[in-house]
Amino acid sequence: MIIARAAFAPMAEACRKLLKPPLAEIIAATGRFLRATGEALAAARAANADGGVRRARRLDGAAMAELRRLQLTQALPGEEAGRIFALGFAFDQLRGDLHDLTSRAGGLAEGGGPEERGT
């Protein structure tokens, strides 16, 4: 939800130009990751598909670094600059959440799935 609020709120054009490509890649990669993880869970096998999430995070990190280098957020109102940095924070949280999901899905696959454990 944080990503949607920050990404689709009004934003300075220069910032939007830098952030739009990595944002689109993160959305697509997260979709691929979630589909692959769902398929792995349904098949009771380890879920280790990245779906391009790491690459997307590198693109986002590079875009955020460029925003800082160009000092594009300094002239922005505080609320708008805050949304941009919240977007970076949300991407970091998403990466951690997807990593946790991979670990837990792997644990389910190793344990044979909930039916075999009686849960």
Protein backbone atom coordinates (compact mmCIF):
# COMPACT_ATOMS: atom_id res chain seq x y z
CA MET A 1 0.00 0.00 0.00
CA ILE A 2 2.87 2.36 0.77
CA ILE A 3 4.27 1.76 -2.70
CA ALA A 4 0.96 2.52 -4.40
CA ARG A 5 0.43 5.72 -2.41
CA ALA A 6 3.93 7.00 -3.05
CA ALA A 7 4.17 5.89 -6.67
CA PHE A 8 0.86 7.26 -7.88
CA ALA A 9 0.81 10.53 -5.96
CA PRO A 10 1.80 13.72 -7.80
CA MET A 11 5.57 13.89 -8.19
CA ALA A 12 8.03 16.27 -9.82
CA GLU A 13 8.59 15.25 -13.44
CA ALA A 14 12.36 14.83 -13.06
CA CYS A 15 11.81 12.45 -10.12
CA ARG A 16 9.09 10.54 -11.93
CA LYS A 17 11.36 10.06 -14.98
CA LEU A 18 14.04 8.49 -12.79
CA LEU A 19 11.72 6.34 -10.71
CA LYS A 20 9.18 5.14 -13.28
CA PRO A 21 11.37 2.48 -14.99
CA PRO A 22 12.53 0.79 -11.76
CA LEU A 23 9.03 1.02 -10.31
CA ALA A 24 7.58 -0.75 -13.37
CA GLU A 25 10.31 -3.39 -13.14
CA ILE A 26 9.69 -3.97 -9.43
CA ILE A 27 5.96 -4.40 -10.03
CA ALA A 28 6.56 -6.88 -12.87
CA ALA A 29 9.29 -8.78 -11.00
CA THR A 30 7.17 -9.04 -7.85
CA GLY A 31 4.32 -10.46 -9.91
CA ARG A 32 6.62 -13.05 -11.47
CA PHE A 33 8.05 -13.91 -8.06
CA LEU A 34 4.62 -14.35 -6.46
CA ARG A 35 3.34 -16.51 -9.34
CA ALA A 36 6.43 -18.73 -9.21
CA THR A 37 6.20 -19.01 -5.42
CA GLY A 38 2.51 -19.91 -5.62
CA GLU A 39 3.24 -22.59 -8.20
CA ALA A 40 6.03 -23.97 -6.03
CA LEU A 41 3.76 -24.06 -2.98
CA ALA A 42 1.02 -25.81 -4.95
CA ALA A 43 3.56 -28.41 -6.10
CA ALA A 44 5.09 -28.74 -2.59
CA ARG A 45 8.55 -27.89 -3.88
CA ALA A 46 11.11 -25.30 -2.81
CA ALA A 47 10.33 -21.77 -3.93
CA ASN A 48 13.55 -20.18 -5.06
CA ALA A 49 12.44 -18.11 -8.04
CA ASP A 50 13.73 -14.55 -7.92
CA GLY A 51 11.60 -13.35 -10.83
CA GLY A 52 14.03 -10.48 -11.41
CA VAL A 53 13.43 -8.89 -8.00
CA ARG A 54 17.16 -8.47 -7.29
CA ARG A 55 17.73 -6.77 -10.64
CA ALA A 56 14.75 -4.49 -10.05
CA ARG A 57 16.10 -3.53 -6.62
CA ARG A 58 19.46 -2.65 -8.17
CA LEU A 59 17.67 -0.40 -10.68
CA ASP A 60 15.73 1.25 -7.88
CA GLY A 61 18.87 1.72 -5.79
CA ALA A 62 20.61 3.34 -8.75
CA ALA A 63 17.64 5.65 -9.38
CA MET A 64 17.50 6.70 -5.71
CA ALA A 65 21.27 7.35 -5.73
CA GLU A 66 20.85 9.49 -8.86
CA LEU A 67 18.05 11.47 -7.18
CA ARG A 68 20.40 12.20 -4.29
CA ARG A 69 23.35 12.98 -6.59
CA LEU A 70 21.28 15.46 -8.59
CA GLN A 71 19.75 16.82 -5.37
CA LEU A 72 16.32 16.66 -6.98
CA THR A 73 14.46 16.28 -3.70
CA GLN A 74 15.96 19.39 -2.07
CA ALA A 75 13.64 21.80 -3.87
CA LEU A 76 10.54 19.68 -3.26
CA PRO A 77 7.95 20.33 -0.58
CA GLY A 78 8.60 18.15 2.47
CA GLU A 79 5.58 15.92 1.87
CA GLU A 80 6.60 15.14 -1.71
CA ALA A 81 10.23 14.43 -0.77
CA GLY A 82 8.97 12.25 2.06
CA ARG A 83 6.87 10.18 -0.35
CA ILE A 84 9.90 9.58 -2.55
CA PHE A 85 11.99 8.37 0.36
CA ALA A 86 9.04 6.33 1.65
CA LEU A 87 9.04 4.59 -1.72
CA GLY A 88 12.67 3.57 -1.22
CA PHE A 89 11.85 2.35 2.28
CA ALA A 90 8.85 0.40 1.00
CA PHE A 91 10.99 -1.30 -1.65
CA ASP A 92 13.46 -2.34 1.06
CA GLN A 93 10.59 -3.73 3.13
CA LEU A 94 9.18 -5.57 0.11
CA ARG A 95 12.56 -7.17 -0.56
CA GLY A 96 12.70 -8.42 3.03
CA ASP A 97 9.11 -9.66 2.88
CA LEU A 98 9.77 -11.59 -0.34
CA HIS A 99 12.90 -13.11 1.18
CA ASP A 100 10.87 -14.22 4.23
CA LEU A 101 8.20 -15.67 1.96
CA THR A 102 10.83 -17.66 0.07
CA SER A 103 12.21 -19.03 3.34
CA ARG A 104 8.81 -19.99 4.69
CA ALA A 105 7.69 -21.52 1.40
CA GLY A 106 10.90 -23.55 1.35
CA GLY A 107 10.11 -24.76 4.85
CA LEU A 108 6.67 -25.88 3.75
CA ALA A 109 8.14 -27.76 0.81
CA GLU A 110 10.68 -29.51 3.04
CA GLY A 111 7.96 -30.45 5.51
CA GLY A 112 5.75 -31.90 2.77
CA GLY A 113 3.04 -29.25 2.90
CA PRO A 114 0.33 -28.60 5.48
CA GLU A 115 -1.76 -31.71 4.63
CA GLU A 116 1.09 -34.08 5.41
CA ARG A 117 1.83 -32.34 8.73
CA GLY A 118 -1.81 -32.38 9.79
CA THR A 119 -2.12 -28.58 9.99
